[in-house]
Amino acid sequence: MATYLVPVSLFVVFCVLLVGIYSLFVGGDFGRSYSNKLMRLRVVAQFVAVLIIMGVYYFTSG
């Protein structure tokens, strides 16, 4: 049912992580503006992904 949410949430975390790492290495105006915001967004995305994984496990384990 909602098991498709797990890979989607993990993909979102992965994409945010990659863009955050890119912003750290690029530096300049982009790095100053977005690196900290992207890492905060990654933490929020990870939290949501963990909640989704726990919810899917809870509702599918019987």
N, C-alpha and C. Protein backbone atom coordinates (compact mmCIF):
# COMPACT_ATOMS: atom_id res chain seq x y z
N MET A 1 0.84 -1.19 0.00
CA MET A 1 0.00 0.00 0.00
C MET A 1 0.88 1.25 0.00
N ALA A 2 1.49 1.57 1.13
CA ALA A 2 2.30 2.78 1.22
C ALA A 2 3.79 2.45 1.21
N THR A 3 4.13 1.24 0.77
CA THR A 3 5.54 0.86 0.78
C THR A 3 6.36 1.62 -0.24
N TYR A 4 5.72 2.23 -1.21
CA TYR A 4 6.46 3.04 -2.19
C TYR A 4 7.02 4.31 -1.55
N LEU A 5 6.49 4.70 -0.39
CA LEU A 5 6.97 5.90 0.28
C LEU A 5 8.38 5.74 0.84
N VAL A 6 8.76 4.50 1.17
CA VAL A 6 10.09 4.27 1.75
C VAL A 6 11.19 4.62 0.74
N PRO A 7 11.19 4.04 -0.47
CA PRO A 7 12.26 4.42 -1.40
C PRO A 7 12.20 5.88 -1.83
N VAL A 8 11.00 6.44 -1.91
CA VAL A 8 10.88 7.85 -2.28
C VAL A 8 11.50 8.72 -1.20
N SER A 9 11.21 8.43 0.06
CA SER A 9 11.78 9.24 1.14
C SER A 9 13.30 9.09 1.22
N LEU A 10 13.80 7.88 0.98
CA LEU A 10 15.25 7.69 0.99
C LEU A 10 15.91 8.40 -0.19
N PHE A 11 15.25 8.43 -1.31
CA PHE A 11 15.78 9.14 -2.47
C PHE A 11 15.83 10.65 -2.20
N VAL A 12 14.81 11.18 -1.55
CA VAL A 12 14.80 12.61 -1.21
C VAL A 12 15.96 12.94 -0.28
N VAL A 13 16.18 12.09 0.74
CA VAL A 13 17.30 12.32 1.66
C VAL A 13 18.62 12.28 0.90
N PHE A 14 18.76 11.31 0.00
CA PHE A 14 20.00 11.19 -0.77
C PHE A 14 20.23 12.41 -1.65
N CYS A 15 19.19 12.90 -2.30
CA CYS A 15 19.33 14.08 -3.16
C CYS A 15 19.70 15.33 -2.36
N VAL A 16 19.04 15.51 -1.23
CA VAL A 16 19.36 16.68 -0.40
C VAL A 16 20.79 16.58 0.11
N LEU A 17 21.22 15.38 0.48
CA LEU A 17 22.59 15.19 0.93
C LEU A 17 23.59 15.53 -0.17
N LEU A 18 23.33 15.07 -1.39
CA LEU A 18 24.25 15.36 -2.49
C LEU A 18 24.34 16.85 -2.79
N VAL A 19 23.20 17.52 -2.81
CA VAL A 19 23.22 18.96 -3.09
C VAL A 19 23.90 19.70 -1.94
N GLY A 20 23.71 19.25 -0.70
CA GLY A 20 24.38 19.87 0.44
C GLY A 20 25.88 19.70 0.39
N ILE A 21 26.34 18.51 0.05
CA ILE A 21 27.79 18.28 -0.08
C ILE A 21 28.35 19.11 -1.23
N TYR A 22 27.62 19.18 -2.33
CA TYR A 22 28.05 20.01 -3.46
C TYR A 22 28.19 21.47 -3.04
N SER A 23 27.24 21.95 -2.27
CA SER A 23 27.31 23.36 -1.85
C SER A 23 28.49 23.61 -0.92
N LEU A 24 28.87 22.61 -0.13
CA LEU A 24 30.04 22.77 0.74
C LEU A 24 31.32 22.87 -0.08
N PHE A 25 31.42 22.06 -1.13
CA PHE A 25 32.64 22.05 -1.92
C PHE A 25 32.73 23.23 -2.89
N VAL A 26 31.60 23.70 -3.38
CA VAL A 26 31.62 24.81 -4.33
C VAL A 26 32.01 26.11 -3.63
N GLY A 27 31.42 26.32 -2.46
CA GLY A 27 31.73 27.54 -1.72
C GLY A 27 31.12 28.76 -2.39
N GLY A 28 31.72 29.89 -2.18
CA GLY A 28 31.23 31.12 -2.78
C GLY A 28 29.88 31.53 -2.23
N ASP A 29 29.15 32.29 -3.01
CA ASP A 29 27.83 32.76 -2.58
C ASP A 29 26.85 31.62 -2.41
N PHE A 30 26.89 30.65 -3.31
CA PHE A 30 25.98 29.50 -3.22
C PHE A 30 26.25 28.72 -1.94
N GLY A 31 27.50 28.47 -1.64
CA GLY A 31 27.84 27.72 -0.44
C GLY A 31 27.44 28.45 0.83
N ARG A 32 27.71 29.75 0.87
CA ARG A 32 27.33 30.52 2.06
C ARG A 32 25.82 30.57 2.25
N SER A 33 25.11 30.66 1.14
CA SER A 33 23.66 30.82 1.24
C SER A 33 22.93 29.53 1.56
N TYR A 34 23.42 28.42 1.01
CA TYR A 34 22.59 27.21 1.05
C TYR A 34 23.17 26.02 1.81
N SER A 35 24.45 25.97 2.13
CA SER A 35 24.99 24.75 2.72
C SER A 35 24.35 24.44 4.07
N ASN A 36 24.22 25.43 4.93
CA ASN A 36 23.62 25.19 6.25
C ASN A 36 22.13 24.89 6.14
N LYS A 37 21.44 25.58 5.25
CA LYS A 37 20.01 25.33 5.06
C LYS A 37 19.76 23.93 4.52
N LEU A 38 20.61 23.49 3.60
CA LEU A 38 20.44 22.16 3.03
C LEU A 38 20.73 21.07 4.05
N MET A 39 21.70 21.29 4.92
CA MET A 39 21.98 20.28 5.93
C MET A 39 20.85 20.22 6.96
N ARG A 40 20.23 21.35 7.26
CA ARG A 40 19.05 21.33 8.14
C ARG A 40 17.89 20.61 7.45
N LEU A 41 17.72 20.87 6.17
CA LEU A 41 16.68 20.19 5.41
C LEU A 41 16.93 18.69 5.38
N ARG A 42 18.19 18.29 5.30
CA ARG A 42 18.53 16.87 5.30
C ARG A 42 18.14 16.22 6.62
N VAL A 43 18.38 16.90 7.72
CA VAL A 43 18.00 16.35 9.02
C VAL A 43 16.49 16.17 9.11
N VAL A 44 15.74 17.14 8.63
CA VAL A 44 14.28 17.04 8.63
C VAL A 44 13.84 15.90 7.72
N ALA A 45 14.45 15.79 6.55
CA ALA A 45 14.10 14.72 5.61
C ALA A 45 14.42 13.35 6.20
N GLN A 46 15.54 13.24 6.91
CA GLN A 46 15.88 11.98 7.55
C GLN A 46 14.86 11.63 8.63
N PHE A 47 14.44 12.61 9.40
CA PHE A 47 13.44 12.38 10.44
C PHE A 47 12.14 11.88 9.82
N VAL A 48 11.70 12.52 8.75
CA VAL A 48 10.47 12.09 8.08
C VAL A 48 10.65 10.69 7.49
N ALA A 49 11.81 10.41 6.92
CA ALA A 49 12.06 9.08 6.36
C ALA A 49 12.02 8.01 7.44
N VAL A 50 12.59 8.29 8.60
CA VAL A 50 12.54 7.32 9.70
C VAL A 50 11.10 7.11 10.16
N LEU A 51 10.33 8.18 10.25
CA LEU A 51 8.92 8.03 10.63
C LEU A 51 8.15 7.19 9.60
N ILE A 52 8.41 7.41 8.34
CA ILE A 52 7.75 6.63 7.29
C ILE A 52 8.15 5.17 7.38
N ILE A 53 9.43 4.90 7.56
CA ILE A 53 9.90 3.52 7.66
C ILE A 53 9.27 2.83 8.87
N MET A 54 9.24 3.52 10.00
CA MET A 54 8.63 2.94 11.20
C MET A 54 7.13 2.72 11.00
N GLY A 55 6.45 3.65 10.36
CA GLY A 55 5.02 3.50 10.11
C GLY A 55 4.72 2.34 9.17
N VAL A 56 5.49 2.23 8.10
CA VAL A 56 5.28 1.13 7.15
C VAL A 56 5.56 -0.20 7.84
N TYR A 57 6.61 -0.26 8.63
CA TYR A 57 6.92 -1.50 9.36
C TYR A 57 5.80 -1.85 10.34
N TYR A 58 5.30 -0.85 11.05
CA TYR A 58 4.25 -1.08 12.05
C TYR A 58 2.97 -1.59 11.40
N PHE A 59 2.58 -0.97 10.30
CA PHE A 59 1.32 -1.34 9.67
C PHE A 59 1.40 -2.60 8.80
N THR A 60 2.59 -3.00 8.40
CA THR A 60 2.71 -4.20 7.57
C THR A 60 3.16 -5.43 8.36
N SER A 61 3.58 -5.24 9.61
CA SER A 61 4.08 -6.39 10.37
C SER A 61 2.95 -7.22 10.97
N GLY A 62 1.77 -6.71 10.97
CA GLY A 62 0.63 -7.50 11.44
C GLY A 62 0.42 -7.32 12.88
